[in-house]
């Protein structure tokens, strides 16, 4: 049924409110901001779960690699139920093997910087009779999905999947357009998410300990405060700070903050 003007206006207001709310999170609260985004998308689209992932291109992919060098680096699930988490892990492990599914190959194809796909539009009817759909959709309570791909640069992409269960109606083209509109306005958000993991411009990914220190730095805390908060010695905290600066190619906190404002590189 075609939405009325009022329902369309309400959808737009909800999207604008989401964008505004995400912009209010501090850089140090990036994990909470991501959780809020995934939860908001699930509500907007009456979804049962949402998966957000970062995929990076291998520096020297094999010539015959059907995934063209793209492999996952980070994964976040809105609702990490054990069965769903195990399914995701199995799928990502398979990406390093020769047992690739058609859906995985198609997800890596194409060079579009932004793409939205409905599951039932992207794959042939016979795929839905196969093992992959049974194991990684039906067996874990999913029946349909929309995927979004966002290229942040030539070597880093965001992949988002929004799922519905078998009791819900299939996603429509209108659902895809709505999700695409939401995600189009959030490239800045995903850039900040990846900066927080050292996956966008850092010389090497941050360790978990370095990331905890980084988020505290971005929240304006002094080194002694960070050491106390993380229950570590001041020398350890200082070592992590120096390592963070080196990985991002900056010399001080001001230059580090400038990266989040898009002022450097």
Protein backbone atom coordinates (compact mmCIF):
# COMPACT_ATOMS: atom_id res chain seq x y z
CA UNK A 1 0.00 0.00 0.00
CA UNK A 2 1.37 3.39 -0.97
CA UNK A 3 2.20 5.47 2.10
CA UNK A 4 0.29 8.67 2.74
CA UNK A 5 2.05 12.00 2.88
CA UNK A 6 1.76 11.99 6.67
CA UNK A 7 3.42 8.57 7.06
CA UNK A 8 6.19 9.61 4.68
CA UNK A 9 6.76 12.80 6.65
CA UNK A 10 6.90 10.78 9.87
CA UNK A 11 9.50 8.44 8.36
CA UNK A 12 11.63 11.41 7.36
CA UNK A 13 11.33 12.98 10.80
CA UNK A 14 12.45 9.70 12.38
CA UNK A 15 15.48 9.55 10.11
CA UNK A 16 16.44 13.15 10.85
CA UNK A 17 16.03 12.50 14.57
CA UNK A 18 18.30 9.47 14.29
CA UNK A 19 21.00 11.42 12.46
CA UNK A 20 20.82 14.21 15.05
CA UNK A 21 20.99 11.75 17.94
CA UNK A 22 24.03 9.96 16.52
CA UNK A 23 25.79 13.30 16.07
CA UNK A 24 25.36 13.99 19.80
CA UNK A 25 27.47 10.99 20.85
CA UNK A 26 31.02 11.82 21.80
CA UNK A 27 33.86 10.11 19.94
CA UNK A 28 34.58 8.14 23.10
CA UNK A 29 31.09 6.61 23.04
CA UNK A 30 31.36 5.13 19.56
CA UNK A 31 30.34 1.64 20.67
CA UNK A 32 27.13 2.95 22.25
CA UNK A 33 26.45 5.02 19.14
CA UNK A 34 26.73 1.95 16.91
CA UNK A 35 24.40 -0.03 19.17
CA UNK A 36 21.88 2.81 19.00
CA UNK A 37 22.06 2.88 15.19
CA UNK A 38 21.49 -0.86 14.86
CA UNK A 39 18.57 -0.75 17.29
CA UNK A 40 17.00 2.20 15.48
CA UNK A 41 17.26 0.41 12.13
CA UNK A 42 15.60 -2.68 13.58
CA UNK A 43 12.72 -0.55 14.85
CA UNK A 44 12.33 1.44 11.62
CA UNK A 45 12.20 -1.67 9.45
CA UNK A 46 10.45 -4.07 11.85
CA UNK A 47 13.55 -6.26 11.72
CA UNK A 48 14.54 -9.19 13.93
CA UNK A 49 18.29 -8.51 13.85
CA UNK A 50 20.94 -6.30 12.29
CA UNK A 51 24.55 -7.10 11.42
CA UNK A 52 27.23 -4.44 10.83
CA UNK A 53 30.63 -5.41 9.50
CA UNK A 54 33.84 -3.95 8.11
CA UNK A 55 35.47 -5.65 5.15
CA UNK A 56 38.95 -4.80 3.88
CA UNK A 57 40.78 -5.67 0.69
CA UNK A 58 43.81 -7.92 1.06
CA UNK A 59 47.03 -6.22 -0.10
CA UNK A 60 47.94 -9.12 -2.42
CA UNK A 61 44.81 -11.13 -3.32
CA UNK A 62 45.13 -14.19 -5.50
CA UNK A 63 44.25 -13.71 -9.15
CA UNK A 64 41.51 -16.34 -9.03
CA UNK A 65 40.00 -15.12 -5.75
CA UNK A 66 36.22 -15.01 -6.32
CA UNK A 67 35.92 -12.46 -3.50
CA UNK A 68 38.41 -10.14 -5.22
CA UNK A 69 40.47 -9.87 -2.05
CA UNK A 70 37.65 -8.67 0.23
CA UNK A 71 37.59 -10.20 3.72
CA UNK A 72 35.83 -9.29 7.00
CA UNK A 73 37.70 -7.50 9.76
CA UNK A 74 35.04 -6.48 12.30
CA UNK A 75 31.52 -7.74 12.99
CA UNK A 76 28.81 -6.44 15.31
CA UNK A 77 25.37 -8.02 15.85
CA UNK A 78 22.49 -6.15 17.43
CA UNK A 79 21.25 -9.36 19.07
CA UNK A 80 24.14 -11.85 19.25
CA UNK A 81 22.05 -14.92 19.98
CA UNK A 82 24.33 -17.99 20.20
CA UNK A 83 22.86 -19.64 17.08
CA UNK A 84 23.17 -16.45 15.04
CA UNK A 85 26.68 -15.68 16.29
CA UNK A 86 27.79 -19.24 15.47
CA UNK A 87 26.30 -18.93 11.99
CA UNK A 88 28.12 -15.65 11.37
CA UNK A 89 31.41 -17.14 12.56
CA UNK A 90 30.97 -20.16 10.27
CA UNK A 91 30.26 -17.95 7.29
CA UNK A 92 33.26 -15.74 7.92
CA UNK A 93 35.53 -18.76 8.44
CA UNK A 94 34.30 -20.10 5.10
CA UNK A 95 35.46 -16.91 3.39
CA UNK A 96 39.05 -18.08 3.91
CA UNK A 97 38.32 -21.48 2.34
CA UNK A 98 37.33 -22.73 -1.09
CA UNK A 99 33.74 -23.44 0.03
CA UNK A 100 32.16 -20.17 -1.00
CA UNK A 101 28.45 -19.62 -1.47
CA UNK A 102 26.95 -17.69 -4.38
CA UNK A 103 25.62 -15.05 -1.98
CA UNK A 104 29.13 -14.40 -0.65
CA UNK A 105 30.58 -14.09 -4.14
CA UNK A 106 27.85 -11.68 -5.27
CA UNK A 107 28.38 -9.52 -2.19
CA UNK A 108 31.97 -8.84 -3.28
CA UNK A 109 31.13 -8.19 -6.93
CA UNK A 110 30.85 -4.75 -8.46
CA UNK A 111 32.59 -1.47 -7.73
CA UNK A 112 29.60 0.66 -6.78
CA UNK A 113 30.52 2.97 -3.88
CA UNK A 114 26.99 2.54 -2.49
CA UNK A 115 24.61 -0.36 -3.07
CA UNK A 116 21.35 -1.66 -1.57
CA UNK A 117 20.13 -5.18 -2.37
CA UNK A 118 17.03 -7.15 -1.45
CA UNK A 119 17.84 -10.82 -0.85
CA UNK A 120 15.03 -12.14 -3.04
CA UNK A 121 16.01 -9.80 -5.90
CA UNK A 122 19.73 -10.59 -5.76
CA UNK A 123 19.64 -14.41 -5.80
CA UNK A 124 17.96 -16.98 -8.07
CA UNK A 125 14.95 -19.02 -6.84
CA UNK A 126 16.96 -22.25 -6.61
CA UNK A 127 19.32 -20.66 -4.06
CA UNK A 128 16.48 -20.59 -1.54
CA UNK A 129 16.23 -24.38 -1.78
CA UNK A 130 19.92 -24.81 -0.95
CA UNK A 131 21.95 -25.55 2.15
CA UNK A 132 23.24 -22.02 2.76
CA UNK A 133 19.79 -20.47 3.02
CA UNK A 134 18.58 -23.29 5.24
CA UNK A 135 21.59 -23.21 7.58
CA UNK A 136 22.29 -19.49 7.82
CA UNK A 137 18.78 -18.11 7.48
CA UNK A 138 15.94 -20.50 8.34
CA UNK A 139 17.80 -22.48 11.02
CA UNK A 140 18.66 -19.31 12.96
CA UNK A 141 15.25 -17.67 12.61
CA UNK A 142 15.86 -15.45 9.58
CA UNK A 143 13.91 -15.56 6.34
CA UNK A 144 14.78 -12.36 4.49
CA UNK A 145 17.34 -9.55 4.46
CA UNK A 146 18.37 -6.26 2.93
CA UNK A 147 22.08 -5.60 2.51
CA UNK A 148 23.82 -2.26 2.17
CA UNK A 149 27.39 -1.76 1.02
CA UNK A 150 29.23 1.51 1.59
CA UNK A 151 32.75 2.11 0.28
CA UNK A 152 34.76 4.38 2.57
CA UNK A 153 37.78 4.21 0.30
CA UNK A 154 39.22 1.81 -2.28
CA UNK A 155 40.17 -0.75 0.36
CA UNK A 156 37.54 -0.47 3.11
CA UNK A 157 33.82 -1.14 2.96
CA UNK A 158 30.94 -1.24 5.42
CA UNK A 159 28.46 -4.12 4.99
CA UNK A 160 25.12 -3.94 6.77
CA UNK A 161 22.45 -6.66 6.84
CA UNK A 162 18.94 -6.16 8.21
CA UNK A 163 16.98 -9.38 8.81
CA UNK A 164 13.34 -10.38 9.15
CA UNK A 165 11.94 -13.66 10.43
CA UNK A 166 9.58 -16.06 8.69
CA UNK A 167 6.53 -14.57 10.43
CA UNK A 168 7.15 -11.16 8.86
CA UNK A 169 6.42 -10.02 5.34
CA UNK A 170 9.26 -9.82 2.85
CA UNK A 171 11.21 -6.61 2.50
CA UNK A 172 9.89 -4.40 -0.29
CA UNK A 173 11.63 -2.05 -2.69
CA UNK A 174 10.27 0.77 -0.53
CA UNK A 175 12.01 -0.75 2.51
CA UNK A 176 15.25 -0.84 0.54
CA UNK A 177 14.88 2.80 -0.47
CA UNK A 178 14.17 3.80 3.11
CA UNK A 179 17.23 1.97 4.46
CA UNK A 180 19.36 3.36 1.67
CA UNK A 181 18.26 6.91 2.53
CA UNK A 182 19.17 6.41 6.19
CA UNK A 183 22.61 4.99 5.40
CA UNK A 184 23.43 7.55 2.70
CA UNK A 185 23.56 10.25 5.34
CA UNK A 186 25.88 8.33 7.68
CA UNK A 187 29.18 8.02 5.85
CA UNK A 188 30.71 10.37 8.43
CA UNK A 189 29.48 8.06 11.19
CA UNK A 190 31.11 4.98 9.71
CA UNK A 191 34.32 6.89 9.13
CA UNK A 192 34.45 7.70 12.85
CA UNK A 193 33.66 4.10 13.77
CA UNK A 194 36.61 2.86 11.73
CA UNK A 195 38.93 5.57 13.01
CA UNK A 196 38.16 4.29 16.50
CA UNK A 197 39.51 0.88 15.54
CA UNK A 198 42.51 2.14 13.60
CA UNK A 199 41.13 0.60 10.42
CA UNK A 200 40.86 3.60 8.13
CA UNK A 201 44.08 5.57 8.13
CA UNK A 202 46.21 4.12 10.91
CA UNK A 203 49.38 2.27 9.95
CA UNK A 204 48.13 -0.77 11.89
CA UNK A 205 44.89 -1.71 13.68
CA UNK A 206 44.67 -0.76 17.34
CA UNK A 207 44.97 -3.43 19.97
CA UNK A 208 42.02 -3.74 22.42
CA UNK A 209 44.09 -2.03 25.12
CA UNK A 210 45.04 0.82 22.78
CA UNK A 211 41.44 1.28 21.74
CA UNK A 212 40.32 1.67 25.36
CA UNK A 213 42.96 4.35 25.86
CA UNK A 214 42.04 6.06 22.57
CA UNK A 215 38.35 6.35 23.48
CA UNK A 216 39.30 7.86 26.83
CA UNK A 217 41.64 10.34 25.09
CA UNK A 218 38.85 11.38 22.75
CA UNK A 219 36.62 11.97 25.77
CA UNK A 220 39.15 14.50 27.02
CA UNK A 221 40.61 12.51 29.89
CA UNK A 222 44.19 13.08 31.00
CA UNK A 223 46.67 10.21 31.05
CA UNK A 224 46.59 9.90 34.84
CA UNK A 225 42.77 9.72 34.74
CA UNK A 226 42.92 7.06 32.04
CA UNK A 227 45.43 5.01 34.03
CA UNK A 228 43.17 5.11 37.08
CA UNK A 229 40.03 4.32 35.08
CA UNK A 230 41.64 1.36 33.30
CA UNK A 231 43.48 0.17 36.41
CA UNK A 232 46.92 0.34 34.82
CA UNK A 233 50.15 2.11 35.63
CA UNK A 234 50.79 5.62 34.26
CA UNK A 235 53.78 4.24 32.35
CA UNK A 236 51.59 1.66 30.63
CA UNK A 237 49.05 4.30 29.69
CA UNK A 238 51.78 6.60 28.34
CA UNK A 239 53.19 3.72 26.27
CA UNK A 240 49.75 3.12 24.73
CA UNK A 241 49.30 6.84 24.00
CA UNK A 242 52.64 6.99 22.18
CA UNK A 243 51.75 3.86 20.21
CA UNK A 244 48.39 5.38 19.22
CA UNK A 245 50.05 8.59 18.03
CA UNK A 246 52.56 6.60 16.01
CA UNK A 247 49.90 4.47 14.34
CA UNK A 248 47.88 7.52 13.34
CA UNK A 249 50.94 9.52 12.32
CA UNK A 250 50.27 12.40 14.74
CA UNK A 251 52.32 14.01 17.50
CA UNK A 252 49.75 15.20 20.01
CA UNK A 253 46.15 15.02 21.19
CA UNK A 254 45.07 18.03 19.12
CA UNK A 255 46.25 16.42 15.89
CA UNK A 256 44.55 13.17 16.90
CA UNK A 257 41.26 15.00 17.49
CA UNK A 258 41.63 16.69 14.11
CA UNK A 259 41.38 13.31 12.43
CA UNK A 260 37.87 12.89 13.83
CA UNK A 261 36.98 16.33 12.47
CA UNK A 262 38.28 15.37 9.03
CA UNK A 263 40.97 18.04 9.14
CA UNK A 264 43.99 15.82 8.48
CA UNK A 265 44.83 13.42 5.62
